[in-house]
C-alpha atoms as a PDB file:
ATOM      1  CA  MET A   1     157.992 230.060  43.769  1.00  0.00           C
ATOM      2  CA  SER A   2     154.651 230.351  45.358  1.00  0.00           C
ATOM      3  CA  TRP A   3     151.453 229.390  43.995  1.00  0.00           C
ATOM      4  CA  LYS A   4     150.451 232.646  42.546  1.00  0.00           C
ATOM      5  CA  GLN A   5     153.722 232.859  40.617  1.00  0.00           C
ATOM      6  CA  LEU A   6     153.213 229.508  39.176  1.00  0.00           C
ATOM      7  CA  PRO A   7     152.656 229.497  35.283  1.00  0.00           C
ATOM      8  CA  GLY A   8     148.851 229.460  33.767  1.00  0.00           C
ATOM      9  CA  GLY A   9     149.533 226.249  32.419  1.00  0.00           C
ATOM     10  CA  ALA A  10     150.634 224.164  35.356  1.00  0.00           C
ATOM     11  CA  LYS A  11     147.730 225.810  37.386  1.00  0.00           C
ATOM     12  CA  ALA A  12     145.209 224.320  34.888  1.00  0.00           C
ATOM     13  CA  GLU A  13     147.153 220.987  35.312  1.00  0.00           C
ATOM     14  CA  CYS A  14     146.806 221.018  39.157  1.00  0.00           C
ATOM     15  CA  VAL A  15     143.196 222.089  39.064  1.00  0.00           C
ATOM     16  CA  ALA A  16     142.308 219.325  36.466  1.00  0.00           C
ATOM     17  CA  TYR A  17     144.183 216.433  38.620  1.00  0.00           C
ATOM     18  CA  ALA A  18     142.210 217.953  41.850  1.00  0.00           C
ATOM     19  CA  VAL A  19     139.093 217.709  39.732  1.00  0.00           C
ATOM     20  CA  ILE A  20     139.695 213.997  38.663  1.00  0.00           C
ATOM     21  CA  ALA A  21     140.851 213.491  42.011  1.00  0.00           C
ATOM     22  CA  VAL A  22     137.070 214.781  43.515  1.00  0.00           C
ATOM     23  CA  VAL A  23     135.548 212.577  40.642  1.00  0.00           C
ATOM     24  CA  GLY A  24     137.355 209.414  41.891  1.00  0.00           C
ATOM     25  CA  LEU A  25     136.411 209.824  45.402  1.00  0.00           C
ATOM     26  CA  VAL A  26     133.191 210.449  45.183  1.00  0.00           C
ATOM     27  CA  GLY A  27     132.642 207.818  42.360  1.00  0.00           C
ATOM     28  CA  THR A  28     134.298 205.215  44.232  1.00  0.00           C
ATOM     29  CA  GLN A  29     132.566 206.321  47.349  1.00  0.00           C
ATOM     30  CA  VAL A  30     129.154 206.020  45.387  1.00  0.00           C
ATOM     31  CA  ALA A  31     129.579 203.032  44.426  1.00  0.00           C
ATOM     32  CA  LEU A  32     130.913 201.060  47.630  1.00  0.00           C
ATOM     33  CA  VAL A  33     127.744 202.368  49.153  1.00  0.00           C
ATOM     34  CA  ALA A  34     125.742 200.975  46.733  1.00  0.00           C
ATOM     35  CA  GLY A  35     127.337 197.540  47.021  1.00  0.00           C
ATOM     36  CA  ILE A  36     127.173 197.663  50.413  1.00  0.00           C
ATOM     37  CA  ARG A  37     123.231 198.169  50.405  1.00  0.00           C
ATOM     38  CA  ALA A  38     122.978 195.744  47.548  1.00  0.00           C
ATOM     39  CA  GLY A  39     124.895 192.901  49.726  1.00  0.00           C
ATOM     40  CA  ARG A  40     127.883 192.757  47.192  1.00  0.00           C
ATOM     41  CA  MET A  41     130.585 193.658  49.276  1.00  0.00           C
ATOM     42  CA  SER A  42     131.699 190.243  50.657  1.00  0.00           C
ATOM     43  CA  ALA A  43     135.063 188.926  49.491  1.00  0.00           C
ATOM     44  CA  SER A  44     133.627 185.916  47.386  1.00  0.00           C
ATOM     45  CA  GLN A  45     131.347 188.194  45.586  1.00  0.00           C
ATOM     46  CA  VAL A  46     133.785 190.866  44.639  1.00  0.00           C
ATOM     47  CA  TRP A  47     135.864 188.353  43.285  1.00  0.00           C
ATOM     48  CA  TYR A  48     132.862 186.548  41.275  1.00  0.00           C
ATOM     49  CA  ASP A  49     132.306 190.028  40.000  1.00  0.00           C
ATOM     50  CA  LEU A  50     135.865 190.585  38.817  1.00  0.00           C
ATOM     51  CA  THR A  51     136.296 187.423  37.135  1.00  0.00           C
ATOM     52  CA  SER A  52     132.282 186.578  35.902  1.00  0.00           C
ATOM     53  CA  ASN A  53     133.262 187.065  32.220  1.00  0.00           C
ATOM     54  CA  PRO A  54     135.918 187.592  29.950  1.00  0.00           C
ATOM     55  CA  THR A  55     135.361 191.510  29.637  1.00  0.00           C
ATOM     56  CA  ALA A  56     135.640 191.918  33.690  1.00  0.00           C
ATOM     57  CA  VAL A  57     138.498 189.570  33.307  1.00  0.00           C
ATOM     58  CA  PHE A  58     140.387 192.259  31.013  1.00  0.00           C
ATOM     59  CA  THR A  59     139.312 195.135  32.881  1.00  0.00           C
ATOM     60  CA  THR A  60     140.360 193.687  36.214  1.00  0.00           C
ATOM     61  CA  ILE A  61     143.761 192.736  34.802  1.00  0.00           C
ATOM     62  CA  ASP A  62     144.349 195.845  33.130  1.00  0.00           C
ATOM     63  CA  LEU A  63     143.134 197.917  35.672  1.00  0.00           C
ATOM     64  CA  PHE A  64     145.333 196.159  38.316  1.00  0.00           C
ATOM     65  CA  VAL A  65     148.607 196.279  36.067  1.00  0.00           C
ATOM     66  CA  VAL A  66     148.031 200.112  35.880  1.00  0.00           C
ATOM     67  CA  PHE A  67     147.699 200.302  39.565  1.00  0.00           C
ATOM     68  CA  VAL A  68     151.190 198.162  40.290  1.00  0.00           C
ATOM     69  CA  ALA A  69     152.345 200.473  38.007  1.00  0.00           C
ATOM     70  CA  ALA A  70     150.936 203.537  39.524  1.00  0.00           C
ATOM     71  CA  MET A  71     152.154 202.673  42.873  1.00  0.00           C
ATOM     72  CA  ILE A  72     155.933 201.815  41.648  1.00  0.00           C
ATOM     73  CA  PHE A  73     155.804 205.318  40.085  1.00  0.00           C
ATOM     74  CA  MET A  74     154.373 206.719  43.412  1.00  0.00           C
ATOM     75  CA  ILE A  75     157.316 205.442  45.600  1.00  0.00           C
ATOM     76  CA  VAL A  76     160.118 206.067  43.311  1.00  0.00           C
ATOM     77  CA  GLU A  77     159.214 209.604  41.976  1.00  0.00           C
ATOM     78  CA  GLY A  78     158.244 210.514  45.425  1.00  0.00           C
ATOM     79  CA  ARG A  79     161.524 210.019  47.045  1.00  0.00           C
ATOM     80  CA  ARG A  80     163.604 211.130  44.110  1.00  0.00           C
ATOM     81  CA  LEU A  81     161.628 214.314  44.119  1.00  0.00           C
ATOM     82  CA  ARG A  82     161.608 214.393  47.867  1.00  0.00           C
ATOM     83  CA  LEU A  83     157.990 214.962  48.195  1.00  0.00           C
ATOM     84  CA  ARG A  84     156.549 215.416  51.521  1.00  0.00           C
ATOM     85  CA  TRP A  85     154.297 212.744  52.679  1.00  0.00           C
ATOM     86  CA  TRP A  86     154.958 210.745  49.412  1.00  0.00           C
ATOM     87  CA  ALA A  87     153.797 207.515  51.411  1.00  0.00           C
ATOM     88  CA  LEU A  88     150.704 209.091  51.692  1.00  0.00           C
ATOM     89  CA  TYR A  89     149.436 208.700  48.403  1.00  0.00           C
ATOM     90  CA  PRO A  90     150.172 205.036  47.900  1.00  0.00           C
ATOM     91  CA  VAL A  91     148.238 204.339  51.011  1.00  0.00           C
ATOM     92  CA  LEU A  92     145.324 206.640  49.812  1.00  0.00           C
ATOM     93  CA  SER A  93     145.525 204.646  46.270  1.00  0.00           C
ATOM     94  CA  VAL A  94     144.854 201.395  48.497  1.00  0.00           C
ATOM     95  CA  ALA A  95     142.499 202.774  51.060  1.00  0.00           C
ATOM     96  CA  ILE A  96     140.440 204.789  48.711  1.00  0.00           C
ATOM     97  CA  GLY A  97     141.420 204.003  45.236  1.00  0.00           C
ATOM     98  CA  VAL A  98     143.969 204.720  42.575  1.00  0.00           C
ATOM     99  CA  SER A  99     141.356 207.255  40.914  1.00  0.00           C
ATOM    100  CA  PHE A 100     141.821 209.603  44.283  1.00  0.00           C
ATOM    101  CA  GLY A 101     145.386 208.826  45.248  1.00  0.00           C
ATOM    102  CA  PHE A 102     146.998 209.120  41.772  1.00  0.00           C
ATOM    103  CA  PRO A 103     145.729 212.564  40.910  1.00  0.00           C
ATOM    104  CA  LEU A 104     146.972 213.957  43.915  1.00  0.00           C
ATOM    105  CA  PHE A 105     150.285 212.205  43.552  1.00  0.00           C
ATOM    106  CA  LEU A 106     150.282 214.144  40.082  1.00  0.00           C
ATOM    107  CA  MET A 107     149.200 217.650  41.710  1.00  0.00           C
ATOM    108  CA  ALA A 108     151.825 217.230  44.343  1.00  0.00           C
ATOM    109  CA  ARG A 109     154.619 216.143  41.821  1.00  0.00           C
ATOM    110  CA  ARG A 110     153.900 219.172  39.438  1.00  0.00           C
ATOM    111  CA  LEU A 111     154.033 221.391  42.110  1.00  0.00           C
ATOM    112  CA  ARG A 112     157.399 220.320  43.384  1.00  0.00           C
ATOM    113  CA  VAL A 113     158.826 220.504  39.627  1.00  0.00           C
ATOM    114  CA  ALA A 114     157.560 223.991  39.126  1.00  0.00           C
ATOM    115  CA  GLY A 115     159.621 224.829  42.297  1.00  0.00           C
ATOM    116  CA  VAL A 116     156.438 225.702  44.696  1.00  0.00           C
ATOM    117  CA  ARG A 117     157.421 225.948  48.271  1.00  0.00           C
ATOM    118  CA  GLU A 118     155.541 224.455  50.931  1.00  0.00           C
ATOM    119  CA  GLU A 119     154.408 227.140  53.222  1.00  0.00           C
ATOM    120  CA  SER A 120     155.622 226.390  56.953  1.00  0.00           C
ATOM    121  CA  ALA A 121     152.891 227.535  59.634  1.00  0.00           C
END
């Protein structure tokens, strides 16, 4: 099956994942640049910001647990489905942000499950 033969719902799902990934990429990088410019990106300052009050601690723990679950899911599911470049998605999630790597993984997974063949060059 090619992209053109993909059902409309699957196409919409893939487009949604792509949009989420772009929002995640742009959002994390804008925040990173703002943090660097403000001088708040040292390890001690970041840790302080993540643990400075109960709301920050709740959010930090919540997002960390989701991150770990997403990493396990990407590794197990990527290997199970024999996704090409499956190990790249966890690396992107660590290097850039899970808000970028995980939606890309979900898009690749959806295409694989739908049976879209990778075109060889």
